[in-house]
Amino acid sequence: MYSIASLFETDVNGPWQQLAGICNASGFSSEAVPHFSWQTAENYRLPEVREKLTQLALEFTPFQITTSGLGVFANDHRILFIIIVKTRLLLEMHERLWRELTPYAEGCKQHYSPQNWIPHISLNLEKLSDDQFNCSFTELSQHPLQFDITVKRLGLLYMLSEASGIDSIYRLGRQ
């Protein structure tokens, strides 16, 4: 599986480190790539997607997101996430990315489509035990989880059976 995502800077004093400090004590890995996803698919025609992401990254400029607390996707994994506040800019970027990249995708996950998308930062990708979930939810709900984060990069992430990581990174704006 692959994701088109926005990657966060991980400077030592940034909000991601604050969050990693909270979550690390609650059963989460601080080694996960801090991001939020715009689109996820089983597969992409990678050369075309890389070229399109290069073009789009030059057209987009860095922007700010604001988070507003804790949420839970109540599926069988019970995913904890940080809510990202929707803005007109965020929705327009999402619609543009979806429109431009979908032709190169196979098996797009429809919960990321513009009509279904809930912008969020997942905190656990693996299923947590009941104890881990309860402890994490209790710990995280004691913090406001309100951050202003500047987004400067898009990334193509991969999650394959043998490995996961970042395929490529695209800086926003003309550098």
Protein backbone atom coordinates (compact mmCIF):
# COMPACT_ATOMS: atom_id res chain seq x y z
CA MET A 1 0.00 0.00 0.00
CA TYR A 2 1.09 3.57 -0.69
CA SER A 3 0.05 6.97 0.67
CA ILE A 4 0.40 10.50 -0.59
CA ALA A 5 1.00 12.45 2.61
CA SER A 6 2.19 15.71 4.07
CA LEU A 7 5.25 15.20 6.22
CA PHE A 8 6.00 17.28 9.29
CA GLU A 9 9.31 18.75 10.26
CA THR A 10 10.70 17.03 13.34
CA ASP A 11 12.75 19.75 15.00
CA VAL A 12 13.58 18.99 18.61
CA ASN A 13 11.22 21.56 20.13
CA GLY A 14 8.33 21.09 17.70
CA PRO A 15 4.83 19.84 18.50
CA TRP A 16 5.55 16.37 17.15
CA GLN A 17 8.23 15.84 19.80
CA GLN A 18 5.82 17.01 22.49
CA LEU A 19 3.29 14.50 21.24
CA ALA A 20 5.85 11.72 20.90
CA GLY A 21 6.78 12.31 24.54
CA ILE A 22 3.16 11.88 25.59
CA CYS A 23 2.54 8.87 23.37
CA ASN A 24 5.81 7.08 24.01
CA ALA A 25 4.75 6.52 27.60
CA SER A 26 1.40 5.21 26.36
CA GLY A 27 2.38 2.42 23.99
CA PHE A 28 3.08 4.33 20.76
CA SER A 29 6.25 4.44 18.73
CA SER A 30 7.95 7.81 18.43
CA GLU A 31 9.74 6.43 15.36
CA ALA A 32 6.68 6.61 13.09
CA VAL A 33 6.89 9.11 10.24
CA PRO A 34 4.87 12.15 11.40
CA HIS A 35 2.33 12.83 8.63
CA PHE A 36 -1.26 13.07 7.50
CA SER A 37 -2.49 11.33 4.37
CA TRP A 38 -4.23 12.87 1.38
CA GLN A 39 -4.76 9.64 -0.53
CA THR A 40 -4.00 5.95 -0.01
CA ALA A 41 -4.00 3.24 -2.68
CA GLU A 42 -2.97 -0.37 -3.06
CA ASN A 43 -0.59 0.64 -5.83
CA TYR A 44 0.47 3.60 -7.98
CA ARG A 45 2.15 3.92 -11.33
CA LEU A 46 5.18 5.27 -9.52
CA PRO A 47 7.05 7.13 -12.30
CA GLU A 48 3.92 9.11 -13.20
CA VAL A 49 3.02 9.81 -9.56
CA ARG A 50 6.55 11.00 -8.77
CA GLU A 51 6.47 13.34 -11.77
CA LYS A 52 3.02 14.68 -10.84
CA LEU A 53 4.06 15.21 -7.19
CA THR A 54 7.14 17.13 -8.34
CA GLN A 55 4.90 19.42 -10.42
CA LEU A 56 2.26 19.90 -7.70
CA ALA A 57 4.84 20.57 -4.98
CA LEU A 58 6.23 23.44 -7.05
CA GLU A 59 2.73 24.92 -7.37
CA PHE A 60 1.78 24.58 -3.69
CA THR A 61 3.33 26.78 -1.02
CA PRO A 62 3.96 25.86 2.61
CA PHE A 63 0.84 26.19 4.72
CA GLN A 64 -0.28 25.90 8.31
CA ILE A 65 -2.61 23.34 9.87
CA THR A 66 -4.19 23.52 13.29
CA THR A 67 -5.12 20.48 15.34
CA SER A 68 -8.04 20.38 17.74
CA GLY A 69 -7.97 17.33 19.97
CA LEU A 70 -8.30 13.57 20.07
CA GLY A 71 -10.53 11.32 17.98
CA VAL A 72 -11.10 7.57 17.59
CA PHE A 73 -11.90 5.59 14.47
CA ALA A 74 -13.97 2.82 16.00
CA ASN A 75 -12.95 0.04 13.62
CA ASP A 76 -11.50 -3.29 14.71
CA HIS A 77 -8.10 -1.61 15.32
CA ARG A 78 -9.53 1.40 17.23
CA ILE A 79 -7.27 4.03 15.71
CA LEU A 80 -6.53 7.03 17.91
CA PHE A 81 -5.92 10.21 15.97
CA ILE A 82 -5.40 13.94 16.29
CA ILE A 83 -8.08 15.95 14.54
CA ILE A 84 -6.92 18.45 11.89
CA VAL A 85 -9.20 21.47 11.49
CA LYS A 86 -10.60 21.68 7.95
CA THR A 87 -9.94 24.92 6.11
CA ARG A 88 -10.90 25.99 2.59
CA LEU A 89 -7.20 25.80 1.55
CA LEU A 90 -6.84 22.29 2.96
CA LEU A 91 -9.99 21.08 1.18
CA GLU A 92 -8.98 22.67 -2.13
CA MET A 93 -5.51 21.11 -1.97
CA HIS A 94 -7.04 17.74 -1.16
CA GLU A 95 -9.46 17.94 -4.08
CA ARG A 96 -6.64 18.92 -6.44
CA LEU A 97 -4.33 16.12 -5.25
CA TRP A 98 -7.14 13.58 -5.48
CA ARG A 99 -8.11 14.72 -9.02
CA GLU A 100 -4.51 14.79 -10.30
CA LEU A 101 -3.27 11.53 -8.71
CA THR A 102 -6.27 9.18 -8.94
CA PRO A 103 -5.64 8.37 -12.64
CA TYR A 104 -2.32 6.75 -11.59
CA ALA A 105 -3.76 4.79 -8.66
CA GLU A 106 -5.05 1.25 -8.34
CA GLY A 107 -7.34 0.46 -5.43
CA CYS A 108 -7.82 3.94 -3.96
CA LYS A 109 -9.16 3.82 -0.41
CA GLN A 110 -12.46 5.68 -0.65
CA HIS A 111 -12.43 6.89 2.95
CA TYR A 112 -9.76 9.35 1.71
CA SER A 113 -11.94 10.63 -1.17
CA PRO A 114 -12.94 14.31 -0.93
CA GLN A 115 -16.52 13.52 0.11
CA ASN A 116 -15.41 11.13 2.91
CA TRP A 117 -12.04 12.50 4.07
CA ILE A 118 -11.50 13.32 7.73
CA PRO A 119 -8.11 15.06 7.96
CA HIS A 120 -6.23 13.48 10.85
CA ILE A 121 -2.89 12.33 12.22
CA SER A 122 -3.08 8.65 13.14
CA LEU A 123 -1.32 7.79 16.36
CA ASN A 124 -1.40 4.01 16.09
CA LEU A 125 -1.39 1.95 12.92
CA GLU A 126 -1.28 -1.37 14.73
CA LYS A 127 -4.01 -2.73 16.93
CA LEU A 128 -3.54 -1.85 20.59
CA SER A 129 -4.46 -4.23 23.39
CA ASP A 130 -7.41 -3.14 25.54
CA ASP A 131 -4.98 -2.05 28.26
CA GLN A 132 -2.82 -0.08 25.80
CA PHE A 133 -5.86 1.58 24.24
CA ASN A 134 -7.40 2.51 27.61
CA CYS A 135 -4.11 3.82 28.99
CA SER A 136 -3.36 5.77 25.79
CA PHE A 137 -6.84 7.25 25.54
CA THR A 138 -6.79 8.27 29.20
CA GLU A 139 -3.30 9.79 28.92
CA LEU A 140 -3.91 11.62 25.65
CA SER A 141 -7.31 12.97 26.66
CA GLN A 142 -5.59 14.88 29.49
CA HIS A 143 -3.71 17.03 26.96
CA PRO A 144 -5.27 19.64 24.65
CA LEU A 145 -3.45 18.29 21.54
CA GLN A 146 -3.81 21.69 19.92
CA PHE A 147 -0.86 22.50 17.70
CA ASP A 148 -0.15 24.88 14.85
CA ILE A 149 2.09 23.05 12.40
CA THR A 150 3.66 24.41 9.22
CA VAL A 151 3.56 21.87 6.40
CA LYS A 152 6.45 22.21 3.96
CA ARG A 153 6.63 18.79 2.28
CA LEU A 154 4.65 16.15 0.46
CA GLY A 155 5.80 12.56 0.58
CA LEU A 156 5.13 9.28 -1.12
CA LEU A 157 5.03 6.66 1.64
CA TYR A 158 4.97 2.88 1.25
CA MET A 159 3.76 0.16 3.59
CA LEU A 160 4.63 -3.20 2.07
CA SER A 161 4.71 -6.58 3.77
CA GLU A 162 8.53 -6.56 3.88
CA ALA A 163 9.15 -2.89 4.70
CA SER A 164 7.69 0.57 5.13
CA GLY A 165 9.09 4.05 4.79
CA ILE A 166 9.38 7.11 2.58
CA ASP A 167 9.78 6.57 -1.17
CA SER A 168 10.30 10.23 -2.00
CA ILE A 169 9.90 13.76 -0.58
CA TYR A 170 8.77 16.91 -2.38
CA ARG A 171 9.36 20.37 -0.88
CA LEU A 172 6.47 22.78 -1.35
CA GLY A 173 7.05 25.97 -3.31
CA ARG A 174 9.87 27.05 -5.53
CA GLN A 175 13.07 26.65 -3.56
